[in-house]
Amino acid sequence: MTVSLHTFVDLYSKALTTLDNILTKGAAFAASKGVSEADMLNWRLVAT
């Protein structure tokens, strides 16, 4: 099976669109809970 550059770009584009939607929904959820954008910038997915 050959993979062309067009295939890679199409998959990458779909992944970025999905990520945009997830981040938009997350920001809307945080805003509905009264969390500021400054607080969101300090959030971590993994404890350090």
Protein backbone atom coordinates (compact mmCIF):
# COMPACT_ATOMS: atom_id res chain seq x y z
CA MET A 1 0.00 0.00 0.00
CA THR A 2 1.49 3.31 -1.02
CA VAL A 3 1.00 6.46 0.99
CA SER A 4 0.97 9.76 -0.80
CA LEU A 5 1.57 13.20 0.61
CA HIS A 6 -2.07 14.05 -0.09
CA THR A 7 -3.19 11.21 2.20
CA PHE A 8 -0.93 12.41 5.01
CA VAL A 9 -2.08 16.03 4.68
CA ASP A 10 -5.73 14.97 4.64
CA LEU A 11 -5.34 12.90 7.82
CA TYR A 12 -3.39 15.69 9.53
CA SER A 13 -6.06 18.21 8.57
CA LYS A 14 -8.82 16.00 10.00
CA ALA A 15 -6.86 15.55 13.23
CA LEU A 16 -6.41 19.31 13.62
CA THR A 17 -10.11 19.91 12.99
CA THR A 18 -11.01 17.34 15.63
CA LEU A 19 -8.59 18.89 18.12
CA ASP A 20 -10.06 22.34 17.44
CA ASN A 21 -13.54 21.03 18.21
CA ILE A 22 -12.42 19.32 21.41
CA LEU A 23 -10.63 22.44 22.66
CA THR A 24 -13.62 24.65 21.80
CA LYS A 25 -15.97 22.38 23.74
CA GLY A 26 -13.56 22.28 26.67
CA ALA A 27 -13.27 26.07 26.77
CA ALA A 28 -17.06 26.42 26.65
CA PHE A 29 -17.42 23.92 29.50
CA ALA A 30 -14.83 25.74 31.62
CA ALA A 31 -16.51 29.09 30.92
CA SER A 32 -19.87 27.66 31.99
CA LYS A 33 -18.27 26.60 35.28
CA GLY A 34 -16.83 30.10 35.81
CA VAL A 35 -13.18 29.24 35.25
CA SER A 36 -11.03 32.04 33.86
CA GLU A 37 -8.71 31.64 30.89
CA ALA A 38 -5.72 32.41 33.15
CA ASP A 39 -6.67 29.45 35.35
CA MET A 40 -7.03 27.19 32.31
CA LEU A 41 -3.48 28.06 31.20
CA ASN A 42 -2.19 26.69 34.50
CA TRP A 43 -4.00 23.35 34.19
CA ARG A 44 -1.96 20.20 33.56
CA LEU A 45 -3.08 16.83 32.27
CA VAL A 46 -0.32 15.12 34.22
CA ALA A 47 0.92 16.12 37.64
CA THR A 48 4.50 17.31 37.68
